[in-house]
Protein backbone atom coordinates (compact mmCIF):
# COMPACT_ATOMS: atom_id res chain seq x y z
CA MET A 1 -17.76 -5.50 18.83
CA THR A 2 -17.37 -7.78 15.50
CA SER A 3 -13.90 -9.36 15.44
CA VAL A 4 -12.26 -8.81 11.92
CA TYR A 5 -9.52 -10.80 11.15
CA ILE A 6 -6.88 -10.92 8.41
CA ARG A 7 -6.34 -14.61 6.89
CA THR A 8 -3.33 -13.72 4.38
CA ILE A 9 -0.87 -10.24 3.31
CA GLY A 10 1.59 -10.57 -0.36
CA ILE A 11 3.22 -7.68 -1.72
CA ASN A 12 5.16 -6.84 -4.49
CA SER A 13 7.67 -4.14 -4.73
CA GLU A 14 11.00 -3.29 -6.03
CA ARG A 15 12.91 -4.53 -3.48
CA CYS A 16 10.75 -7.10 -1.31
CA GLN A 17 9.24 -9.12 -4.55
CA ASP A 18 7.60 -11.41 -2.04
CA THR A 19 7.35 -11.82 1.92
CA ALA A 20 9.27 -14.56 1.92
CA GLN A 21 11.93 -11.76 0.90
CA LEU A 22 11.09 -9.24 3.12
CA ALA A 23 11.16 -12.08 6.20
CA ALA A 24 14.83 -13.24 4.82
CA GLN A 25 15.70 -8.89 4.71
CA LEU A 26 14.08 -8.33 7.92
CA GLY A 27 16.30 -11.00 9.76
CA THR A 28 19.39 -9.52 7.88
CA GLY A 29 18.68 -6.01 8.58
CA MET A 30 20.11 -5.67 5.32
CA ALA A 31 17.75 -3.80 2.59
CA ALA A 32 18.16 -3.55 -0.80
CA VAL A 33 20.36 -1.23 -2.24
CA SER A 34 18.37 1.91 -4.11
CA ALA A 35 17.06 2.56 -7.74
CA ASP A 36 17.82 5.37 -10.01
CA ARG A 37 15.16 7.32 -8.99
CA TYR A 38 14.80 8.86 -12.09
CA SER A 39 14.68 4.97 -14.05
CA ALA A 40 10.68 3.55 -14.25
CA PRO A 41 9.86 0.76 -12.43
CA ALA A 42 9.93 -2.71 -14.34
CA ILE A 43 6.45 -4.79 -13.46
CA ARG A 44 5.70 -7.67 -15.10
CA LEU A 45 2.66 -10.31 -14.54
CA GLY A 46 4.28 -13.29 -12.39
CA ALA A 47 3.93 -17.30 -13.46
CA ASP A 48 1.26 -17.23 -10.28
CA GLY A 49 -1.04 -14.49 -12.60
CA LEU A 50 -0.64 -15.84 -16.39
CA ALA A 51 -2.06 -18.89 -15.05
CA VAL A 52 -4.61 -17.66 -13.85
CA ILE A 53 -5.30 -13.94 -15.69
CA GLY A 54 -6.43 -14.47 -19.58
CA ARG A 55 -4.79 -13.02 -21.89
CA GLU A 56 -7.85 -10.01 -23.09
CA ASP A 57 -7.68 -8.67 -19.65
CA ARG A 58 -3.61 -9.26 -19.27
CA SER A 59 -3.87 -6.23 -22.57
CA THR A 60 -6.03 -3.87 -20.14
CA LEU A 61 -3.67 -3.99 -17.36
CA ASN A 62 -1.53 -1.31 -15.90
CA GLU A 63 1.64 -1.49 -13.91
CA LEU A 64 0.00 -0.47 -10.56
CA SER A 65 -2.48 -3.15 -11.35
CA THR A 66 0.20 -5.86 -12.79
CA GLY A 67 2.00 -5.49 -9.56
CA VAL A 68 -1.45 -5.95 -6.72
CA LEU A 69 -1.72 -9.31 -9.02
CA ASN A 70 0.99 -10.05 -8.05
CA ALA A 71 0.89 -9.42 -4.57
CA ILE A 72 -1.61 -11.27 -4.35
CA SER A 73 -0.51 -14.35 -5.96
CA ASP A 74 1.92 -14.00 -2.97
CA ALA A 75 -0.31 -13.53 -0.54
CA LEU A 76 -2.96 -16.95 -1.39
CA ARG A 77 0.41 -18.83 -1.13
CA HIS A 78 -0.22 -18.86 1.94
CA THR A 79 -3.72 -20.11 2.55
CA GLY A 80 -4.94 -20.66 -1.22
CA THR A 81 -8.18 -20.09 -1.97
CA ASP A 82 -10.50 -22.83 -1.25
CA TRP A 83 -11.02 -21.65 2.44
CA MET A 84 -13.09 -18.45 0.66
CA GLY A 85 -16.04 -20.63 -0.21
CA GLU A 86 -18.01 -18.98 -2.64
CA THR A 87 -16.83 -15.53 -3.38
CA ASP A 88 -19.93 -13.51 -4.33
CA ASN A 89 -20.26 -11.47 -1.45
CA VAL A 90 -16.19 -10.81 -1.23
CA ALA A 91 -16.19 -6.63 -1.04
CA VAL A 92 -13.19 -5.07 -2.70
CA PHE A 93 -11.48 -2.26 -1.73
CA THR A 94 -8.04 -0.65 -4.07
CA GLY A 95 -6.21 2.60 -3.26
CA THR A 96 -4.53 2.80 -6.37
CA ASP A 97 -3.80 5.26 -8.91
CA GLY A 98 -4.69 5.40 -12.86
CA ALA A 99 -1.58 5.16 -15.19
CA GLU A 100 1.22 7.26 -16.19
CA LEU A 101 0.23 7.45 -20.20
CA THR A 102 0.41 10.58 -21.59
CA PHE A 103 3.81 11.74 -20.29
CA ALA A 104 4.77 7.94 -21.72
CA ALA A 105 4.17 8.60 -25.20
CA ILE A 106 5.43 11.99 -25.26
CA GLY A 107 8.76 10.02 -24.27
CA GLY A 108 8.06 7.45 -27.07
CA LEU A 109 8.05 10.29 -29.12
CA ILE A 110 10.60 12.04 -28.32
CA ASP A 111 12.98 8.75 -28.29
CA ARG A 112 11.87 8.40 -32.06
CA ALA A 113 12.05 11.87 -33.06
CA GLY A 114 14.88 14.06 -30.85
CA ASP A 115 14.93 17.70 -31.25
CA ALA A 116 12.25 17.57 -33.82
CA ALA A 117 9.70 16.03 -31.33
CA ILE A 118 7.68 19.32 -30.99
CA ASP A 119 6.67 19.69 -34.34
CA ARG A 120 5.79 16.59 -34.13
CA LEU A 121 3.22 15.72 -31.27
CA GLY A 122 0.14 15.50 -33.51
CA GLU A 123 1.51 11.74 -33.84
CA LEU A 124 0.95 11.24 -30.19
CA LYS A 125 -3.01 10.44 -31.35
CA SER A 126 -0.96 7.09 -33.12
CA LEU A 127 1.72 6.02 -30.42
CA THR A 128 -1.94 4.50 -27.85
CA ASN A 129 -5.27 3.14 -28.59
CA PRO A 130 -9.00 3.00 -27.21
CA ILE A 131 -7.48 0.44 -24.70
CA ASN A 132 -5.50 2.42 -23.21
CA MET A 133 -8.77 3.95 -21.46
CA MET A 134 -9.09 1.22 -19.30
CA ARG A 135 -5.30 1.11 -18.08
CA LEU A 136 -5.48 4.87 -17.53
CA LEU A 137 -8.64 4.17 -14.45
CA SER A 138 -8.75 4.27 -10.74
CA THR A 139 -10.83 1.15 -10.91
CA ASN A 140 -8.57 -0.60 -13.21
CA SER A 141 -7.30 -2.30 -10.17
CA THR A 142 -10.71 -2.14 -8.94
CA TYR A 143 -11.51 -4.32 -11.65
CA HIS A 144 -8.85 -6.52 -11.85
CA VAL A 145 -8.78 -7.73 -8.45
CA SER A 146 -12.74 -8.61 -8.39
CA LYS A 147 -12.02 -10.56 -11.77
CA ARG A 148 -9.47 -12.35 -9.93
CA PHE A 149 -11.32 -13.69 -6.93
CA GLY A 150 -14.82 -13.60 -9.09
CA ALA A 151 -15.82 -11.26 -6.20
CA GLN A 152 -19.09 -9.21 -6.82
CA GLY A 153 -19.76 -8.14 -2.73
CA GLY A 154 -19.58 -4.15 -3.58
CA GLY A 155 -16.41 -1.90 -2.87
CA TYR A 156 -14.32 1.11 -4.05
CA PRO A 157 -11.33 2.81 -5.08
CA ASN A 158 -9.84 5.32 -2.61
CA GLN A 159 -8.21 8.29 -3.50
CA SER A 160 -6.75 9.54 0.36
CA MET A 161 -2.97 10.04 -1.99
CA SER A 162 -0.70 8.23 1.10
CA LEU A 163 -3.02 7.54 3.27
CA SER A 164 -5.44 5.35 0.51
CA GLY A 165 -4.31 1.61 1.88
CA LEU A 166 -5.05 2.48 5.18
CA SER A 167 -8.54 4.41 4.43
CA ALA A 168 -9.90 1.58 2.15
CA LEU A 169 -8.85 -1.29 5.13
CA GLU A 170 -10.79 0.89 7.55
CA ASP A 171 -13.75 1.15 4.56
CA ALA A 172 -13.67 -2.86 4.44
CA VAL A 173 -13.72 -2.57 8.17
CA HIS A 174 -16.68 -0.83 9.05
CA THR A 175 -18.09 -3.33 5.57
CA LEU A 176 -17.72 -6.05 7.65
CA ARG A 177 -18.64 -4.98 10.76
CA ALA A 178 -21.68 -3.70 9.88
CA GLY A 179 -22.74 -7.19 8.25
CA ILE A 180 -23.09 -6.18 4.28
CA SER A 181 -20.26 -8.34 3.75
CA GLU A 182 -18.12 -10.99 5.40
CA ARG A 183 -15.23 -11.13 3.68
CA ALA A 184 -13.07 -8.47 1.60
CA VAL A 185 -10.35 -7.75 -0.43
CA VAL A 186 -7.99 -5.19 0.07
CA VAL A 187 -5.17 -3.40 -1.91
CA ALA A 188 -2.91 -0.83 -2.27
CA SER A 189 -0.06 0.40 -5.32
CA GLY A 190 1.81 3.11 -5.39
CA ASN A 191 4.49 4.39 -7.85
CA MET A 192 6.66 7.48 -6.30
CA ARG A 193 8.59 7.69 -9.55
CA SER A 194 6.25 8.65 -11.91
CA PHE A 195 7.06 12.24 -13.72
CA ASP A 196 4.27 13.90 -11.53
CA SER A 197 5.29 12.55 -8.06
CA LEU A 198 9.28 13.32 -9.12
CA VAL A 199 8.56 16.63 -9.92
CA VAL A 200 6.40 17.66 -7.04
CA PHE A 201 8.61 16.38 -4.59
CA GLY A 202 11.01 18.32 -6.10
CA LYS A 203 9.11 21.63 -6.44
CA LEU A 204 8.35 20.61 -1.98
CA GLY A 205 12.43 20.14 -1.66
CA LEU A 206 11.31 16.68 -0.51
CA LEU A 207 14.42 15.01 -2.82
CA ASP A 208 16.96 17.83 -1.73
CA ASP A 209 19.84 16.50 -0.29
CA ASN A 210 19.65 16.24 3.78
CA ALA A 211 22.94 15.87 5.99
CA GLY A 212 24.41 13.68 2.84
CA ARG A 213 21.06 11.71 2.00
CA PRO A 214 17.71 12.45 0.03
CA GLN A 215 14.17 13.21 2.27
CA VAL A 216 12.41 11.30 0.19
CA ASP A 217 13.46 7.84 -1.22
CA PRO A 218 10.58 7.82 -3.83
CA ALA A 219 10.28 3.95 -5.00
CA TYR A 220 6.91 1.80 -6.59
CA GLY A 221 5.25 -1.23 -4.03
CA ALA A 222 2.36 -2.61 -4.03
CA ALA A 223 0.25 -4.37 -0.93
CA ALA A 224 -2.77 -7.24 -0.65
CA LEU A 225 -4.43 -8.76 2.63
CA VAL A 226 -7.66 -10.72 2.65
CA ILE A 227 -9.47 -9.71 5.96
CA ASP A 228 -13.10 -11.65 7.32
CA SER A 229 -15.84 -11.32 10.32
CA ALA A 230 -15.93 -15.27 10.68
CA ALA A 231 -15.08 -17.13 13.69
CA ALA A 232 -10.68 -17.65 14.31
CA ASP A 233 -10.53 -21.22 13.66
CA ASP A 234 -13.24 -21.11 10.39
CA GLY A 235 -10.35 -20.74 7.39
CA PRO A 236 -6.50 -20.58 7.89
CA ALA A 237 -5.14 -19.59 10.83
CA PRO A 238 -5.25 -15.32 11.06
CA VAL A 239 -2.24 -13.89 11.19
CA ALA A 240 -3.58 -10.43 12.81
CA GLU A 241 -6.37 -9.17 14.22
CA VAL A 242 -7.59 -5.94 13.35
CA LEU A 243 -8.34 -4.18 16.70
CA ALA A 244 -9.02 -0.09 14.71
CA VAL A 245 -8.19 1.61 12.17
CA GLN A 246 -9.02 5.68 12.54
CA THR A 247 -8.20 8.22 10.24
CA GLN A 248 -8.57 11.88 10.91
CA PHE A 249 -9.16 14.87 8.34
CA ALA A 250 -6.63 17.25 8.34
CA PRO A 251 -5.94 18.99 4.95
CA ASP A 252 -2.64 20.62 6.18
CA PRO A 253 0.21 20.18 3.30
CA PHE A 254 2.56 19.49 6.27
CA VAL A 255 0.76 18.11 9.90
CA SER A 256 1.21 20.24 12.75
CA VAL A 257 2.25 18.98 16.34
CA ALA A 258 -1.51 18.98 17.55
CA THR A 259 -2.77 17.58 14.83
CA TRP A 260 -0.47 14.66 15.40
CA THR A 261 -1.27 14.96 19.25
CA ALA A 262 -4.79 15.20 18.78
CA LEU A 263 -5.03 11.55 16.40
CA PHE A 264 -2.79 10.25 19.11
CA THR A 265 -4.69 11.11 22.49
CA ALA A 266 -7.98 10.20 20.70
CA ALA A 267 -5.76 6.05 19.97
CA ARG A 268 -3.99 6.46 23.48
CA THR A 269 -7.68 7.51 25.43
CA ARG A 270 -9.67 4.17 23.28
CA HIS A 271 -7.09 1.64 23.26
CA GLY A 272 -4.77 2.55 26.03
CA LEU A 273 -1.00 1.90 25.30
CA PRO A 274 0.27 0.07 22.16
CA ASP A 275 3.33 -2.07 22.83
CA LEU A 276 4.98 -1.16 19.66
CA ILE A 277 4.82 1.73 17.00
CA VAL A 278 5.53 1.82 13.31
CA THR A 279 6.47 5.32 12.68
CA TYR A 280 4.98 6.85 9.11
CA ALA A 281 8.22 9.33 8.50
CA ASN A 282 8.20 8.72 4.89
CA GLY A 283 12.06 11.07 5.01
CA ALA A 284 10.41 14.14 4.48
CA ARG A 285 12.36 16.09 7.77
CA GLN A 286 9.58 18.71 9.00
CA LEU A 287 6.93 16.00 8.51
CA GLU A 288 9.42 13.10 11.05
CA GLU A 289 9.83 16.28 13.65
CA THR A 290 6.39 17.09 14.46
CA GLU A 291 5.26 13.17 14.22
CA THR A 292 8.16 12.51 16.95
CA ALA A 293 7.20 15.31 19.23
CA ALA A 294 3.55 14.29 19.58
CA ARG A 295 4.51 11.09 20.34
CA ASP A 296 7.02 11.17 22.53
CA ALA A 297 4.31 13.68 24.06
CA VAL A 298 1.95 10.80 24.56
CA PHE A 299 2.90 7.71 24.42
CA GLY A 300 6.34 8.26 26.10
CA ASN A 301 8.56 5.60 26.10
CA VAL A 302 6.64 3.06 23.80
CA PRO A 303 9.32 1.42 21.22
CA THR A 304 9.11 2.47 17.68
CA ARG A 305 10.75 1.04 14.15
CA ASN A 306 10.18 2.42 11.14
CA TYR A 307 10.60 -0.04 7.81
CA LYS A 308 10.54 2.16 5.07
CA ARG A 309 14.44 1.48 3.95
CA TYR A 310 13.08 -1.89 3.41
CA PHE A 311 10.90 -0.63 0.71
CA GLY A 312 11.49 2.97 -0.57
CA TYR A 313 8.80 5.60 -0.08
CA THR A 314 5.66 4.22 -1.76
CA GLY A 315 2.40 6.30 -1.21
CA LYS A 316 -0.37 4.64 -1.75
CA ALA A 317 0.88 0.98 -0.55
CA ASN A 318 3.14 2.56 2.24
CA ASN A 319 1.14 1.51 5.28
CA LEU A 320 -0.19 -1.93 4.30
CA LEU A 321 3.18 -2.81 2.99
CA ASP A 322 4.43 -1.55 7.05
CA LEU A 323 1.58 -3.98 7.75
CA ALA A 324 3.36 -6.51 5.84
CA ALA A 325 6.97 -5.93 7.25
CA VAL A 326 5.08 -6.41 11.01
CA LEU A 327 3.80 -9.99 9.80
CA ALA A 328 6.89 -10.98 8.49
CA ASP A 329 9.43 -9.70 11.07
CA GLU A 330 10.31 -12.58 13.57
CA ARG A 331 11.34 -9.87 16.17
CA ILE A 332 7.46 -9.06 17.30
CA ALA A 333 5.76 -11.83 19.19
CA PRO A 334 2.62 -12.93 18.47
CA GLY A 335 0.38 -11.12 21.13
CA THR A 336 1.86 -8.16 20.39
CA THR A 337 -0.52 -5.30 19.87
CA VAL A 338 1.39 -2.40 16.89
CA LEU A 339 0.07 1.02 16.30
CA LEU A 340 0.58 1.69 12.70
CA CYS A 341 0.65 5.28 11.80
CA GLY A 342 0.56 6.83 8.23
CA ALA A 343 -0.55 10.19 6.76
CA GLY A 344 -1.58 11.87 2.98
CA PHE A 345 -0.74 15.01 1.50
CA GLY A 346 -4.00 17.36 1.83
CA PHE A 347 -5.95 14.65 2.90
CA GLY A 348 -5.28 13.96 6.80
CA ILE A 349 -3.38 11.64 8.86
CA GLY A 350 -4.67 7.97 10.92
CA TYR A 351 -3.37 5.11 12.42
CA LEU A 352 -3.54 1.26 12.21
CA LEU A 353 -3.66 -1.17 15.80
CA VAL A 354 -3.31 -4.65 14.93
CA ARG A 355 -3.00 -7.70 17.42
CA LYS A 356 -0.24 -9.65 15.63
CA LEU A 357 -1.35 -13.68 15.91
CA GLY A 358 1.55 -15.54 13.50
CA GLN A 359 3.55 -15.21 10.33
CA PRO A 360 2.72 -16.05 6.86
CA VAL A 361 3.75 -19.34 6.05
CA LEU A 362 3.88 -20.86 2.69
CA GLN A 363 2.44 -23.52 1.73
């Protein structure tokens, strides 16, 4: 089977702006304080992005794509782009949402009109413009990432709920192993403090206190990585090798023990015992209980870690942020095999198996 390597990875989140900050927090074990769940995240394009993203393209960015470009800047600070050579055949796979502009526009109208806003809803059309259509599309990040790299090697946006980042990586790995492309950029970005997310989480009782703390800690985050099927020494030293990535359709609102057990059993049968497991455990008590029961039954005493407290729960980006944490965590030695677990509400579950080869190093 064709080997697939992760050459670089970058992040941008509320609590860890980049991989250097993440490594520092992992080193101390001190995670940043949770933000107000009802406050909108302020995401601004960093200096590296401003230097290479033209004004016209910046005008069509939504916040999730802005975070993605910041994560790409972080990733490229480790490697640059000279080693990538021709980028025409680079594929791009994205796991992001479109923007949520209607509710933002209503909020602006309420700020202006107060109690009279309901009688002035017709003014919403004056608060937007046709260029906002670009920001609404789920392809917004796909466009901006492709433009950033000059990539024309195919790929597409992936909509698999909180498995989107993992699913995007799975699609990219299959594309490389099929010989369609030799290199791919994979990104994911999520904002679980959007109006829709908070309403749904609230209705499901996932924001209620559980033993004095909320079950789910909604947050924003983005991650980006570059993978390829070239020889390990053909380019910057890889930080990890992708051994396997697998998703399984399971449209249960809350995944059962039997469903988790089937996935874990297949992973153990195909790949043996990993050295370490990174749990999905996003804070939802029932989901954590079923994942734990199945994992203990299949993998026994394999040690586990969970990195959600360093990011909060970011939805579509959560698995790639967990991967970034594994690679930045100095407690995990090169050569360690790590199984990362994921789930997407109403979609399914999955895992990623990697062998850590090193840590991202700033150039």
